[in-house]
Amino acid sequence: MSKHLGKSIDRREGLRKPKFSKGLIEEARDLFQKRTDRPLTDEDAREMLENLTGFFMSLQLLDREQKAQQIVRKEIEVEVAESQVSACCEQSLLAAEETISPKRLVRRRRPIPRAKG
């Protein structure tokens, strides 16, 4: 099917309009004719091909947008996780500095005088 499909760009609208070969239009007319009671023209078959192409282009665009959103979400999750780890490390360092200073450690190592008795 792709061998018949070539794309042109409508400069006024900026949209891609597919151009279909005569052979593809005839194949489509024969295929779609099996599914309907009324006789189909080449113009009907061309419109059906355009509709199908537009539908799949919309699906492809939607898929790209969803993948881009997933990438952004993952980047945000990584940034949040990194900031949480950073904040956690800062808090633990501050807590360690506040609890025991090196001077207090030295004082604790001195022997405790025993009571005479």
C-alpha atoms as a PDB file:
ATOM      1  CA  MET A   1       0.000   0.000   0.000  1.00  0.00           C
ATOM      2  CA  SER A   2       2.850   2.390   0.792  1.00  0.00           C
ATOM      3  CA  LYS A   3       4.280   2.042  -2.719  1.00  0.00           C
ATOM      4  CA  HIS A   4       1.281   4.002  -4.003  1.00  0.00           C
ATOM      5  CA  LEU A   5       1.397   6.711  -1.374  1.00  0.00           C
ATOM      6  CA  GLY A   6       3.270   9.942  -1.930  1.00  0.00           C
ATOM      7  CA  LYS A   7       2.755  13.071   0.138  1.00  0.00           C
ATOM      8  CA  SER A   8       2.496  16.654  -0.962  1.00  0.00           C
ATOM      9  CA  ILE A   9       2.199  19.750   1.168  1.00  0.00           C
ATOM     10  CA  ASP A  10      -0.627  22.209   0.761  1.00  0.00           C
ATOM     11  CA  ARG A  11       1.240  25.490   1.284  1.00  0.00           C
ATOM     12  CA  ARG A  12      -1.879  27.506   2.101  1.00  0.00           C
ATOM     13  CA  GLU A  13      -2.979  25.351   5.011  1.00  0.00           C
ATOM     14  CA  GLY A  14       0.424  23.981   6.026  1.00  0.00           C
ATOM     15  CA  LEU A  15      -1.119  20.516   6.259  1.00  0.00           C
ATOM     16  CA  ARG A  16       0.051  17.412   4.509  1.00  0.00           C
ATOM     17  CA  LYS A  17      -2.427  16.144   1.966  1.00  0.00           C
ATOM     18  CA  PRO A  18      -1.753  12.633   0.769  1.00  0.00           C
ATOM     19  CA  LYS A  19      -1.706  11.968  -2.956  1.00  0.00           C
ATOM     20  CA  PHE A  20      -2.842   8.519  -3.930  1.00  0.00           C
ATOM     21  CA  SER A  21      -2.066   6.750  -7.181  1.00  0.00           C
ATOM     22  CA  LYS A  22      -4.845   5.649  -9.490  1.00  0.00           C
ATOM     23  CA  GLY A  23      -3.999   2.000  -8.756  1.00  0.00           C
ATOM     24  CA  LEU A  24      -4.332   2.467  -5.001  1.00  0.00           C
ATOM     25  CA  ILE A  25      -7.643   4.282  -5.403  1.00  0.00           C
ATOM     26  CA  GLU A  26      -8.957   1.412  -7.540  1.00  0.00           C
ATOM     27  CA  GLU A  27      -7.756  -1.161  -4.975  1.00  0.00           C
ATOM     28  CA  ALA A  28      -9.443   0.787  -2.188  1.00  0.00           C
ATOM     29  CA  ARG A  29     -12.680   1.117  -4.176  1.00  0.00           C
ATOM     30  CA  ASP A  30     -12.724  -2.652  -4.776  1.00  0.00           C
ATOM     31  CA  LEU A  31     -12.040  -3.351  -1.098  1.00  0.00           C
ATOM     32  CA  PHE A  32     -14.628  -0.924   0.257  1.00  0.00           C
ATOM     33  CA  GLN A  33     -17.192  -1.911  -2.376  1.00  0.00           C
ATOM     34  CA  LYS A  34     -17.457  -5.344  -0.723  1.00  0.00           C
ATOM     35  CA  ARG A  35     -18.696  -3.670   2.448  1.00  0.00           C
ATOM     36  CA  THR A  36     -21.414  -1.450   1.019  1.00  0.00           C
ATOM     37  CA  ASP A  37     -24.492  -1.821  -1.145  1.00  0.00           C
ATOM     38  CA  ARG A  38     -24.215   1.429  -3.066  1.00  0.00           C
ATOM     39  CA  PRO A  39     -21.727   1.789  -5.918  1.00  0.00           C
ATOM     40  CA  LEU A  40     -18.570   3.684  -4.959  1.00  0.00           C
ATOM     41  CA  THR A  41     -16.786   6.165  -7.175  1.00  0.00           C
ATOM     42  CA  ASP A  42     -13.069   6.834  -7.346  1.00  0.00           C
ATOM     43  CA  GLU A  43     -13.730  10.047  -5.409  1.00  0.00           C
ATOM     44  CA  ASP A  44     -15.434   8.058  -2.624  1.00  0.00           C
ATOM     45  CA  ALA A  45     -12.453   5.705  -2.425  1.00  0.00           C
ATOM     46  CA  ARG A  46     -10.007   8.637  -2.368  1.00  0.00           C
ATOM     47  CA  GLU A  47     -11.933  10.267   0.494  1.00  0.00           C
ATOM     48  CA  MET A  48     -11.927   6.988   2.417  1.00  0.00           C
ATOM     49  CA  LEU A  49      -8.161   6.700   1.965  1.00  0.00           C
ATOM     50  CA  GLU A  50      -7.696  10.296   3.148  1.00  0.00           C
ATOM     51  CA  ASN A  51      -9.857   9.589   6.204  1.00  0.00           C
ATOM     52  CA  LEU A  52      -7.879   6.460   7.056  1.00  0.00           C
ATOM     53  CA  THR A  53      -4.571   8.263   6.580  1.00  0.00           C
ATOM     54  CA  GLY A  54      -5.749  11.161   8.751  1.00  0.00           C
ATOM     55  CA  PHE A  55      -6.943   8.771  11.448  1.00  0.00           C
ATOM     56  CA  PHE A  56      -3.591   6.995  11.669  1.00  0.00           C
ATOM     57  CA  MET A  57      -1.686  10.283  11.539  1.00  0.00           C
ATOM     58  CA  SER A  58      -3.788  11.463  14.504  1.00  0.00           C
ATOM     59  CA  LEU A  59      -3.012   8.261  16.403  1.00  0.00           C
ATOM     60  CA  GLN A  60       0.690   8.706  15.674  1.00  0.00           C
ATOM     61  CA  LEU A  61       0.604  12.324  16.870  1.00  0.00           C
ATOM     62  CA  LEU A  62      -1.237  11.319  20.039  1.00  0.00           C
ATOM     63  CA  ASP A  63       1.322   8.577  20.707  1.00  0.00           C
ATOM     64  CA  ARG A  64       4.214  11.032  20.288  1.00  0.00           C
ATOM     65  CA  GLU A  65       2.584  13.508  22.669  1.00  0.00           C
ATOM     66  CA  GLN A  66       2.001  10.806  25.289  1.00  0.00           C
ATOM     67  CA  LYS A  67       5.612   9.616  25.030  1.00  0.00           C
ATOM     68  CA  ALA A  68       6.847  13.202  25.384  1.00  0.00           C
ATOM     69  CA  GLN A  69       4.669  13.650  28.495  1.00  0.00           C
ATOM     70  CA  GLN A  70       6.057  10.424  29.991  1.00  0.00           C
ATOM     71  CA  ILE A  71       9.605  11.654  29.444  1.00  0.00           C
ATOM     72  CA  VAL A  72       8.797  14.970  31.129  1.00  0.00           C
ATOM     73  CA  ARG A  73       7.141  13.156  34.064  1.00  0.00           C
ATOM     74  CA  LYS A  74      10.198  10.932  34.522  1.00  0.00           C
ATOM     75  CA  GLU A  75      12.507  13.962  34.435  1.00  0.00           C
ATOM     76  CA  ILE A  76      10.370  15.686  37.071  1.00  0.00           C
ATOM     77  CA  GLU A  77      10.351  12.547  39.231  1.00  0.00           C
ATOM     78  CA  VAL A  78      14.159  12.359  39.037  1.00  0.00           C
ATOM     79  CA  GLU A  79      14.501  16.046  39.959  1.00  0.00           C
ATOM     80  CA  VAL A  80      12.137  15.635  42.916  1.00  0.00           C
ATOM     81  CA  ALA A  81      13.954  12.514  44.100  1.00  0.00           C
ATOM     82  CA  GLU A  82      17.331  14.247  43.815  1.00  0.00           C
ATOM     83  CA  SER A  83      16.101  17.269  45.761  1.00  0.00           C
ATOM     84  CA  GLN A  84      14.632  15.015  48.466  1.00  0.00           C
ATOM     85  CA  VAL A  85      17.921  13.119  48.799  1.00  0.00           C
ATOM     86  CA  SER A  86      19.824  16.390  48.940  1.00  0.00           C
ATOM     87  CA  ALA A  87      17.502  17.793  51.614  1.00  0.00           C
ATOM     88  CA  CYS A  88      17.729  14.547  53.602  1.00  0.00           C
ATOM     89  CA  CYS A  89      21.542  14.608  53.472  1.00  0.00           C
ATOM     90  CA  GLU A  90      21.643  18.244  54.615  1.00  0.00           C
ATOM     91  CA  GLN A  91      19.322  17.478  57.523  1.00  0.00           C
ATOM     92  CA  SER A  92      21.348  14.454  58.629  1.00  0.00           C
ATOM     93  CA  LEU A  93      24.593  16.451  58.472  1.00  0.00           C
ATOM     94  CA  LEU A  94      23.070  19.245  60.524  1.00  0.00           C
ATOM     95  CA  ALA A  95      21.702  16.774  63.054  1.00  0.00           C
ATOM     96  CA  ALA A  96      25.107  15.109  63.392  1.00  0.00           C
ATOM     97  CA  GLU A  97      26.836  18.446  63.980  1.00  0.00           C
ATOM     98  CA  GLU A  98      24.320  19.484  66.618  1.00  0.00           C
ATOM     99  CA  THR A  99      24.335  16.304  68.667  1.00  0.00           C
ATOM    100  CA  ILE A 100      27.981  15.589  69.394  1.00  0.00           C
ATOM    101  CA  SER A 101      30.877  17.942  68.972  1.00  0.00           C
ATOM    102  CA  PRO A 102      34.475  16.663  68.905  1.00  0.00           C
ATOM    103  CA  LYS A 103      35.229  18.418  72.228  1.00  0.00           C
ATOM    104  CA  ARG A 104      32.433  16.570  73.963  1.00  0.00           C
ATOM    105  CA  LEU A 105      33.773  13.276  72.656  1.00  0.00           C
ATOM    106  CA  VAL A 106      37.178  14.019  74.165  1.00  0.00           C
ATOM    107  CA  ARG A 107      35.621  14.865  77.527  1.00  0.00           C
ATOM    108  CA  ARG A 108      33.763  11.575  77.621  1.00  0.00           C
ATOM    109  CA  ARG A 109      36.927   9.606  77.107  1.00  0.00           C
ATOM    110  CA  ARG A 110      38.498  10.904  80.322  1.00  0.00           C
ATOM    111  CA  PRO A 111      38.378   8.466  83.177  1.00  0.00           C
ATOM    112  CA  ILE A 112      35.679   9.055  85.696  1.00  0.00           C
ATOM    113  CA  PRO A 113      37.103   9.660  89.203  1.00  0.00           C
ATOM    114  CA  ARG A 114      36.109   6.956  91.616  1.00  0.00           C
ATOM    115  CA  ALA A 115      34.776   7.712  95.015  1.00  0.00           C
ATOM    116  CA  LYS A 116      37.012   6.686  97.911  1.00  0.00           C
ATOM    117  CA  GLY A 117      35.318   4.525 100.243  1.00  0.00           C
END
